[in-house]
Amino acid sequence: MYSRTAFDLDCTPIIPECGFNCPKCIREIESTLVGMEGVSRVYRGSEEDEGKLFVEHDPGVVKVERLVEILKGLPSFYDGFFVPTVITS
C-alpha cells in the first residue's frame, strides 16, 4: 500500500533566490526518487503548496527516513544540499 509524504525542501543554502524552481534540480530529484524501488510517483505542489515535494511510496519498501537521507544528498551538481523537512500536517 502506498502512502504520500510531503516534504518542504529548503534550497536557500544552495541558491537563495531559487525558490525550488530550478528545472535541473527538479529533474534530478524526480529521476533519483522515481528510480527507487518502492517509489511510484514524485511531484511538486500546486501554487498554494509552492516549495513542497510529494512522494508516493510504499513505506514497507522505502521509509521516510531513507527519502530524507537521499534528499539531503541532492542536488549533486552544487556545493550545498537541500534541507528537507517532512510535513506532518
PDB file of N, CA and C in Angstrom:
ATOM      1  N   MET A   1       0.842  -1.182   0.000  1.00  0.00           N
ATOM      2  CA  MET A   1       0.000   0.000   0.000  1.00  0.00           C
ATOM      3  C   MET A   1       0.890   1.248   0.000  1.00  0.00           C
ATOM      4  N   TYR A   2       0.586   2.161  -0.862  1.00  0.00           N
ATOM      5  CA  TYR A   2       1.389   3.371  -0.992  1.00  0.00           C
ATOM      6  C   TYR A   2       0.845   4.494  -0.114  1.00  0.00           C
ATOM      7  N   SER A   3       1.742   5.292   0.434  1.00  0.00           N
ATOM      8  CA  SER A   3       1.356   6.494   1.156  1.00  0.00           C
ATOM      9  C   SER A   3       1.996   7.694   0.500  1.00  0.00           C
ATOM     10  N   ARG A   4       1.476   8.846   0.811  1.00  0.00           N
ATOM     11  CA  ARG A   4       2.025  10.084   0.268  1.00  0.00           C
ATOM     12  C   ARG A   4       2.697  10.843   1.404  1.00  0.00           C
ATOM     13  N   THR A   5       3.952  11.211   1.187  1.00  0.00           N
ATOM     14  CA  THR A   5       4.697  12.000   2.162  1.00  0.00           C
ATOM     15  C   THR A   5       5.031  13.337   1.520  1.00  0.00           C
ATOM     16  N   ALA A   6       4.812  14.401   2.278  1.00  0.00           N
ATOM     17  CA  ALA A   6       5.110  15.747   1.794  1.00  0.00           C
ATOM     18  C   ALA A   6       6.398  16.240   2.437  1.00  0.00           C
ATOM     19  N   PHE A   7       7.224  16.892   1.624  1.00  0.00           N
ATOM     20  CA  PHE A   7       8.486  17.447   2.088  1.00  0.00           C
ATOM     21  C   PHE A   7       8.533  18.932   1.747  1.00  0.00           C
ATOM     22  N   ASP A   8       9.103  19.699   2.646  1.00  0.00           N
ATOM     23  CA  ASP A   8       9.473  21.066   2.329  1.00  0.00           C
ATOM     24  C   ASP A   8      10.967  21.016   2.055  1.00  0.00           C
ATOM     25  N   LEU A   9      11.371  21.472   0.872  1.00  0.00           N
ATOM     26  CA  LEU A   9      12.787  21.451   0.514  1.00  0.00           C
ATOM     27  C   LEU A   9      13.326  22.867   0.550  1.00  0.00           C
ATOM     28  N   ASP A  10      14.097  23.157   1.553  1.00  0.00           N
ATOM     29  CA  ASP A  10      14.724  24.469   1.664  1.00  0.00           C
ATOM     30  C   ASP A  10      15.976  24.457   0.803  1.00  0.00           C
ATOM     31  N   CYS A  11      15.968  25.256  -0.244  1.00  0.00           N
ATOM     32  CA  CYS A  11      17.133  25.306  -1.124  1.00  0.00           C
ATOM     33  C   CYS A  11      17.935  26.588  -0.936  1.00  0.00           C
ATOM     34  N   THR A  12      17.584  27.402   0.067  1.00  0.00           N
ATOM     35  CA  THR A  12      18.329  28.644   0.269  1.00  0.00           C
ATOM     36  C   THR A  12      19.795  28.431   0.612  1.00  0.00           C
ATOM     37  N   PRO A  13      20.199  27.296   1.231  1.00  0.00           N
ATOM     38  CA  PRO A  13      21.636  27.105   1.428  1.00  0.00           C
ATOM     39  C   PRO A  13      22.389  26.947   0.104  1.00  0.00           C
ATOM     40  N   ILE A  14      21.674  26.554  -0.962  1.00  0.00           N
ATOM     41  CA  ILE A  14      22.301  26.331  -2.254  1.00  0.00           C
ATOM     42  C   ILE A  14      22.233  27.602  -3.092  1.00  0.00           C
ATOM     43  N   ILE A  15      21.021  28.013  -3.378  1.00  0.00           N
ATOM     44  CA  ILE A  15      20.784  29.185  -4.221  1.00  0.00           C
ATOM     45  C   ILE A  15      19.650  29.986  -3.574  1.00  0.00           C
ATOM     46  N   PRO A  16      19.968  31.014  -2.816  1.00  0.00           N
ATOM     47  CA  PRO A  16      18.937  31.744  -2.076  1.00  0.00           C
ATOM     48  C   PRO A  16      17.778  32.254  -2.927  1.00  0.00           C
ATOM     49  N   GLU A  17      18.039  32.615  -4.163  1.00  0.00           N
ATOM     50  CA  GLU A  17      16.979  33.185  -4.999  1.00  0.00           C
ATOM     51  C   GLU A  17      16.186  32.139  -5.771  1.00  0.00           C
ATOM     52  N   CYS A  18      16.489  30.882  -5.622  1.00  0.00           N
ATOM     53  CA  CYS A  18      15.877  29.835  -6.446  1.00  0.00           C
ATOM     54  C   CYS A  18      14.395  29.639  -6.165  1.00  0.00           C
ATOM     55  N   GLY A  19      14.026  29.400  -4.919  1.00  0.00           N
ATOM     56  CA  GLY A  19      12.634  29.156  -4.595  1.00  0.00           C
ATOM     57  C   GLY A  19      12.107  27.831  -5.112  1.00  0.00           C
ATOM     58  N   PHE A  20      12.986  26.844  -5.260  1.00  0.00           N
ATOM     59  CA  PHE A  20      12.618  25.497  -5.701  1.00  0.00           C
ATOM     60  C   PHE A  20      11.951  25.525  -7.078  1.00  0.00           C
ATOM     61  N   ASN A  21      12.525  26.302  -7.976  1.00  0.00           N
ATOM     62  CA  ASN A  21      12.001  26.390  -9.335  1.00  0.00           C
ATOM     63  C   ASN A  21      13.018  25.983 -10.392  1.00  0.00           C
ATOM     64  N   CYS A  22      14.175  25.541 -10.003  1.00  0.00           N
ATOM     65  CA  CYS A  22      15.230  25.191 -10.948  1.00  0.00           C
ATOM     66  C   CYS A  22      14.897  23.862 -11.635  1.00  0.00           C
ATOM     67  N   PRO A  23      14.681  23.874 -12.940  1.00  0.00           N
ATOM     68  CA  PRO A  23      14.335  22.630 -13.641  1.00  0.00           C
ATOM     69  C   PRO A  23      15.393  21.545 -13.500  1.00  0.00           C
ATOM     70  N   LYS A  24      16.656  21.933 -13.432  1.00  0.00           N
ATOM     71  CA  LYS A  24      17.733  20.948 -13.310  1.00  0.00           C
ATOM     72  C   LYS A  24      17.620  20.202 -11.970  1.00  0.00           C
ATOM     73  N   CYS A  25      17.343  20.926 -10.894  1.00  0.00           N
ATOM     74  CA  CYS A  25      17.174  20.296  -9.576  1.00  0.00           C
ATOM     75  C   CYS A  25      15.947  19.396  -9.561  1.00  0.00           C
ATOM     76  N   ILE A  26      14.861  19.890 -10.111  1.00  0.00           N
ATOM     77  CA  ILE A  26      13.614  19.129 -10.110  1.00  0.00           C
ATOM     78  C   ILE A  26      13.779  17.836 -10.894  1.00  0.00           C
ATOM     79  N   ARG A  27      14.428  17.895 -12.047  1.00  0.00           N
ATOM     80  CA  ARG A  27      14.666  16.677 -12.841  1.00  0.00           C
ATOM     81  C   ARG A  27      15.503  15.665 -12.063  1.00  0.00           C
ATOM     82  N   GLU A  28      16.535  16.166 -11.374  1.00  0.00           N
ATOM     83  CA  GLU A  28      17.390  15.238 -10.624  1.00  0.00           C
ATOM     84  C   GLU A  28      16.623  14.591  -9.474  1.00  0.00           C
ATOM     85  N   ILE A  29      15.818  15.360  -8.782  1.00  0.00           N
ATOM     86  CA  ILE A  29      15.013  14.803  -7.685  1.00  0.00           C
ATOM     87  C   ILE A  29      14.084  13.722  -8.224  1.00  0.00           C
ATOM     88  N   GLU A  30      13.358  14.066  -9.277  1.00  0.00           N
ATOM     89  CA  GLU A  30      12.401  13.114  -9.845  1.00  0.00           C
ATOM     90  C   GLU A  30      13.086  11.848 -10.343  1.00  0.00           C
ATOM     91  N   SER A  31      14.163  11.994 -11.089  1.00  0.00           N
ATOM     92  CA  SER A  31      14.822  10.802 -11.642  1.00  0.00           C
ATOM     93  C   SER A  31      15.459   9.952 -10.547  1.00  0.00           C
ATOM     94  N   THR A  32      15.972  10.575  -9.512  1.00  0.00           N
ATOM     95  CA  THR A  32      16.587   9.825  -8.414  1.00  0.00           C
ATOM     96  C   THR A  32      15.534   9.041  -7.634  1.00  0.00           C
ATOM     97  N   LEU A  33      14.452   9.702  -7.257  1.00  0.00           N
ATOM     98  CA  LEU A  33      13.456   9.042  -6.415  1.00  0.00           C
ATOM     99  C   LEU A  33      12.585   8.059  -7.185  1.00  0.00           C
ATOM    100  N   VAL A  34      12.151   8.418  -8.385  1.00  0.00           N
ATOM    101  CA  VAL A  34      11.288   7.518  -9.151  1.00  0.00           C
ATOM    102  C   VAL A  34      12.034   6.249  -9.542  1.00  0.00           C
ATOM    103  N   GLY A  35      13.343   6.325  -9.628  1.00  0.00           N
ATOM    104  CA  GLY A  35      14.134   5.149  -9.953  1.00  0.00           C
ATOM    105  C   GLY A  35      14.301   4.184  -8.799  1.00  0.00           C
ATOM    106  N   MET A  36      13.823   4.559  -7.628  1.00  0.00           N
ATOM    107  CA  MET A  36      13.965   3.707  -6.445  1.00  0.00           C
ATOM    108  C   MET A  36      12.836   2.684  -6.357  1.00  0.00           C
ATOM    109  N   GLU A  37      13.173   1.506  -5.893  1.00  0.00           N
ATOM    110  CA  GLU A  37      12.140   0.505  -5.623  1.00  0.00           C
ATOM    111  C   GLU A  37      11.246   1.029  -4.497  1.00  0.00           C
ATOM    112  N   GLY A  38       9.950   0.920  -4.685  1.00  0.00           N
ATOM    113  CA  GLY A  38       9.001   1.355  -3.667  1.00  0.00           C
ATOM    114  C   GLY A  38       8.477   2.763  -3.855  1.00  0.00           C
ATOM    115  N   VAL A  39       9.022   3.517  -4.807  1.00  0.00           N
ATOM    116  CA  VAL A  39       8.536   4.874  -5.080  1.00  0.00           C
ATOM    117  C   VAL A  39       7.747   4.830  -6.376  1.00  0.00           C
ATOM    118  N   SER A  40       6.491   5.282  -6.323  1.00  0.00           N
ATOM    119  CA  SER A  40       5.655   5.225  -7.516  1.00  0.00           C
ATOM    120  C   SER A  40       5.513   6.571  -8.205  1.00  0.00           C
ATOM    121  N   ARG A  41       5.617   7.658  -7.445  1.00  0.00           N
ATOM    122  CA  ARG A  41       5.368   8.975  -8.042  1.00  0.00           C
ATOM    123  C   ARG A  41       6.043  10.060  -7.214  1.00  0.00           C
ATOM    124  N   VAL A  42       6.556  11.071  -7.920  1.00  0.00           N
ATOM    125  CA  VAL A  42       7.162  12.239  -7.283  1.00  0.00           C
ATOM    126  C   VAL A  42       6.611  13.455  -8.015  1.00  0.00           C
ATOM    127  N   TYR A  43       6.102  14.438  -7.264  1.00  0.00           N
ATOM    128  CA  TYR A  43       5.575  15.631  -7.916  1.00  0.00           C
ATOM    129  C   TYR A  43       5.657  16.830  -6.985  1.00  0.00           C
ATOM    130  N   ARG A  44       5.694  18.003  -7.609  1.00  0.00           N
ATOM    131  CA  ARG A  44       5.716  19.251  -6.853  1.00  0.00           C
ATOM    132  C   ARG A  44       4.299  19.677  -6.525  1.00  0.00           C
ATOM    133  N   GLY A  45       4.197  20.501  -5.498  1.00  0.00           N
ATOM    134  CA  GLY A  45       2.898  21.007  -5.103  1.00  0.00           C
ATOM    135  C   GLY A  45       2.376  22.052  -6.071  1.00  0.00           C
ATOM    136  N   SER A  46       1.103  22.346  -5.945  1.00  0.00           N
ATOM    137  CA  SER A  46       0.483  23.388  -6.759  1.00  0.00           C
ATOM    138  C   SER A  46       0.902  24.753  -6.225  1.00  0.00           C
ATOM    139  N   GLU A  47       0.322  25.808  -6.750  1.00  0.00           N
ATOM    140  CA  GLU A  47       0.720  27.169  -6.340  1.00  0.00           C
ATOM    141  C   GLU A  47       0.615  27.367  -4.836  1.00  0.00           C
ATOM    142  N   GLU A  48      -0.450  26.890  -4.206  1.00  0.00           N
ATOM    143  CA  GLU A  48      -0.597  27.075  -2.756  1.00  0.00           C
ATOM    144  C   GLU A  48       0.357  26.186  -1.967  1.00  0.00           C
ATOM    145  N   ASP A  49       0.902  25.160  -2.604  1.00  0.00           N
ATOM    146  CA  ASP A  49       1.876  24.268  -1.964  1.00  0.00           C
ATOM    147  C   ASP A  49       3.278  24.495  -2.511  1.00  0.00           C
ATOM    148  N   GLU A  50       3.555  25.707  -2.983  1.00  0.00           N
ATOM    149  CA  GLU A  50       4.845  26.003  -3.606  1.00  0.00           C
ATOM    150  C   GLU A  50       5.999  25.663  -2.668  1.00  0.00           C
ATOM    151  N   GLY A  51       7.017  25.044  -3.232  1.00  0.00           N
ATOM    152  CA  GLY A  51       8.186  24.655  -2.448  1.00  0.00           C
ATOM    153  C   GLY A  51       8.050  23.296  -1.804  1.00  0.00           C
ATOM    154  N   LYS A  52       6.912  22.656  -2.025  1.00  0.00           N
ATOM    155  CA  LYS A  52       6.705  21.336  -1.438  1.00  0.00           C
ATOM    156  C   LYS A  52       6.882  20.252  -2.496  1.00  0.00           C
ATOM    157  N   LEU A  53       7.353  19.133  -2.031  1.00  0.00           N
ATOM    158  CA  LEU A  53       7.558  17.967  -2.871  1.00  0.00           C
ATOM    159  C   LEU A  53       6.746  16.831  -2.270  1.00  0.00           C
ATOM    160  N   PHE A  54       6.025  16.106  -3.117  1.00  0.00           N
ATOM    161  CA  PHE A  54       5.223  14.978  -2.657  1.00  0.00           C
ATOM    162  C   PHE A  54       5.791  13.700  -3.254  1.00  0.00           C
ATOM    163  N   VAL A  55       5.905  12.680  -2.400  1.00  0.00           N
ATOM    164  CA  VAL A  55       6.440  11.393  -2.838  1.00  0.00           C
ATOM    165  C   VAL A  55       5.433  10.318  -2.446  1.00  0.00           C
ATOM    166  N   GLU A  56       4.957   9.572  -3.430  1.00  0.00           N
ATOM    167  CA  GLU A  56       4.096   8.424  -3.159  1.00  0.00           C
ATOM    168  C   GLU A  56       5.001   7.203  -3.131  1.00  0.00           C
ATOM    169  N   HIS A  57       4.971   6.494  -1.998  1.00  0.00           N
ATOM    170  CA  HIS A  57       5.904   5.385  -1.803  1.00  0.00           C
ATOM    171  C   HIS A  57       5.293   4.312  -0.922  1.00  0.00           C
ATOM    172  N   ASP A  58       5.868   3.140  -1.013  1.00  0.00           N
ATOM    173  CA  ASP A  58       5.471   2.025  -0.166  1.00  0.00           C
ATOM    174  C   ASP A  58       6.378   2.053   1.064  1.00  0.00           C
ATOM    175  N   PRO A  59       5.832   2.433   2.237  1.00  0.00           N
ATOM    176  CA  PRO A  59       6.679   2.537   3.436  1.00  0.00           C
ATOM    177  C   PRO A  59       7.279   1.210   3.891  1.00  0.00           C
ATOM    178  N   GLY A  60       6.742   0.103   3.396  1.00  0.00           N
ATOM    179  CA  GLY A  60       7.328  -1.196   3.711  1.00  0.00           C
ATOM    180  C   GLY A  60       8.585  -1.463   2.906  1.00  0.00           C
ATOM    181  N   VAL A  61       8.776  -0.712   1.829  1.00  0.00           N
ATOM    182  CA  VAL A  61       9.943  -0.889   0.964  1.00  0.00           C
ATOM    183  C   VAL A  61      10.938   0.250   1.163  1.00  0.00           C
ATOM    184  N   VAL A  62      10.456   1.478   1.195  1.00  0.00           N
ATOM    185  CA  VAL A  62      11.334   2.638   1.402  1.00  0.00           C
ATOM    186  C   VAL A  62      10.695   3.549   2.460  1.00  0.00           C
ATOM    187  N   LYS A  63      11.397   3.704   3.550  1.00  0.00           N
ATOM    188  CA  LYS A  63      10.888   4.502   4.670  1.00  0.00           C
ATOM    189  C   LYS A  63      11.162   5.992   4.446  1.00  0.00           C
ATOM    190  N   VAL A  64      10.388   6.817   5.137  1.00  0.00           N
ATOM    191  CA  VAL A  64      10.528   8.273   5.034  1.00  0.00           C
ATOM    192  C   VAL A  64      11.943   8.698   5.387  1.00  0.00           C
ATOM    193  N   GLU A  65      12.538   8.070   6.383  1.00  0.00           N
ATOM    194  CA  GLU A  65      13.898   8.425   6.798  1.00  0.00           C
ATOM    195  C   GLU A  65      14.895   8.232   5.656  1.00  0.00           C
ATOM    196  N   ARG A  66      14.695   7.205   4.858  1.00  0.00           N
ATOM    197  CA  ARG A  66      15.576   6.962   3.708  1.00  0.00           C
ATOM    198  C   ARG A  66      15.381   8.036   2.649  1.00  0.00           C
ATOM    199  N   LEU A  67      14.143   8.448   2.415  1.00  0.00           N
ATOM    200  CA  LEU A  67      13.881   9.527   1.468  1.00  0.00           C
ATOM    201  C   LEU A  67      14.550  10.824   1.920  1.00  0.00           C
ATOM    202  N   VAL A  68      14.495  11.116   3.215  1.00  0.00           N
ATOM    203  CA  VAL A  68      15.152  12.312   3.756  1.00  0.00           C
ATOM    204  C   VAL A  68      16.656  12.238   3.517  1.00  0.00           C
ATOM    205  N   GLU A  69      17.258  11.082   3.784  1.00  0.00           N
ATOM    206  CA  GLU A  69      18.704  10.902   3.552  1.00  0.00           C
ATOM    207  C   GLU A  69      19.076  11.206   2.107  1.00  0.00           C
ATOM    208  N   ILE A  70      18.288  10.672   1.185  1.00  0.00           N
ATOM    209  CA  ILE A  70      18.575  10.869  -0.235  1.00  0.00           C
ATOM    210  C   ILE A  70      18.434  12.337  -0.612  1.00  0.00           C
ATOM    211  N   LEU A  71      17.376  12.981  -0.153  1.00  0.00           N
ATOM    212  CA  LEU A  71      17.167  14.397  -0.478  1.00  0.00           C
ATOM    213  C   LEU A  71      18.274  15.277   0.095  1.00  0.00           C
ATOM    214  N   LYS A  72      18.825  14.900   1.232  1.00  0.00           N
ATOM    215  CA  LYS A  72      19.934  15.668   1.824  1.00  0.00           C
ATOM    216  C   LYS A  72      21.193  15.609   0.974  1.00  0.00           C
ATOM    217  N   GLY A  73      21.286  14.619   0.090  1.00  0.00           N
ATOM    218  CA  GLY A  73      22.449  14.488  -0.783  1.00  0.00           C
ATOM    219  C   GLY A  73      22.273  15.134  -2.146  1.00  0.00           C
ATOM    220  N   LEU A  74      21.161  15.810  -2.340  1.00  0.00           N
ATOM    221  CA  LEU A  74      20.876  16.454  -3.622  1.00  0.00           C
ATOM    222  C   LEU A  74      20.880  17.969  -3.467  1.00  0.00           C
ATOM    223  N   PRO A  75      21.076  18.696  -4.493  1.00  0.00           N
ATOM    224  CA  PRO A  75      21.465  18.272  -5.828  1.00  0.00           C
ATOM    225  C   PRO A  75      22.950  17.913  -5.870  1.00  0.00           C
ATOM    226  N   SER A  76      23.292  17.044  -6.776  1.00  0.00           N
ATOM    227  CA  SER A  76      24.667  16.552  -6.864  1.00  0.00           C
ATOM    228  C   SER A  76      25.603  17.525  -7.554  1.00  0.00           C
ATOM    229  N   PHE A  77      25.055  18.537  -8.208  1.00  0.00           N
ATOM    230  CA  PHE A  77      25.871  19.435  -9.026  1.00  0.00           C
ATOM    231  C   PHE A  77      26.139  20.784  -8.360  1.00  0.00           C
ATOM    232  N   TYR A  78      25.817  20.932  -7.068  1.00  0.00           N
ATOM    233  CA  TYR A  78      26.138  22.147  -6.318  1.00  0.00           C
ATOM    234  C   TYR A  78      26.956  21.777  -5.088  1.00  0.00           C
ATOM    235  N   ASP A  79      27.584  22.772  -4.482  1.00  0.00           N
ATOM    236  CA  ASP A  79      28.348  22.530  -3.261  1.00  0.00           C
ATOM    237  C   ASP A  79      27.440  22.328  -2.057  1.00  0.00           C
ATOM    238  N   GLY A  80      26.269  22.956  -2.079  1.00  0.00           N
ATOM    239  CA  GLY A  80      25.327  22.831  -0.968  1.00  0.00           C
ATOM    240  C   GLY A  80      24.290  21.765  -1.261  1.00  0.00           C
ATOM    241  N   PHE A  81      23.468  21.493  -0.271  1.00  0.00           N
ATOM    242  CA  PHE A  81      22.450  20.459  -0.409  1.00  0.00           C
ATOM    243  C   PHE A  81      21.119  20.964   0.124  1.00  0.00           C
ATOM    244  N   PHE A  82      20.042  20.283  -0.293  1.00  0.00           N
ATOM    245  CA  PHE A  82      18.720  20.611   0.223  1.00  0.00           C
ATOM    246  C   PHE A  82      18.657  20.341   1.714  1.00  0.00           C
ATOM    247  N   VAL A  83      17.781  21.065   2.366  1.00  0.00           N
ATOM    248  CA  VAL A  83      17.472  20.814   3.770  1.00  0.00           C
ATOM    249  C   VAL A  83      16.007  20.357   3.790  1.00  0.00           C
ATOM    250  N   PRO A  84      15.765  19.028   3.710  1.00  0.00           N
ATOM    251  CA  PRO A  84      14.398  18.546   3.645  1.00  0.00           C
ATOM    252  C   PRO A  84      13.755  18.441   5.020  1.00  0.00           C
ATOM    253  N   THR A  85      12.481  18.788   5.078  1.00  0.00           N
ATOM    254  CA  THR A  85      11.689  18.646   6.299  1.00  0.00           C
ATOM    255  C   THR A  85      10.413  17.904   5.938  1.00  0.00           C
ATOM    256  N   VAL A  86      10.062  16.904   6.715  1.00  0.00           N
ATOM    257  CA  VAL A  86       8.822  16.180   6.477  1.00  0.00           C
ATOM    258  C   VAL A  86       7.679  17.028   7.027  1.00  0.00           C
ATOM    259  N   ILE A  87       6.653  17.214   6.205  1.00  0.00           N
ATOM    260  CA  ILE A  87       5.484  17.979   6.624  1.00  0.00           C
ATOM    261  C   ILE A  87       4.480  16.990   7.168  1.00  0.00           C
ATOM    262  N   THR A  88       4.117  17.166   8.427  1.00  0.00           N
ATOM    263  CA  THR A  88       3.258  16.186   9.081  1.00  0.00           C
ATOM    264  C   THR A  88       1.793  16.584   9.109  1.00  0.00           C
ATOM    265  N   SER A  89       1.457  17.816   8.768  1.00  0.00           N
ATOM    266  CA  SER A  89       0.026  18.195   8.812  1.00  0.00           C
ATOM    267  C   SER A  89      -0.517  18.426   7.444  1.00  0.00           C
TER     268      SER A  89
END
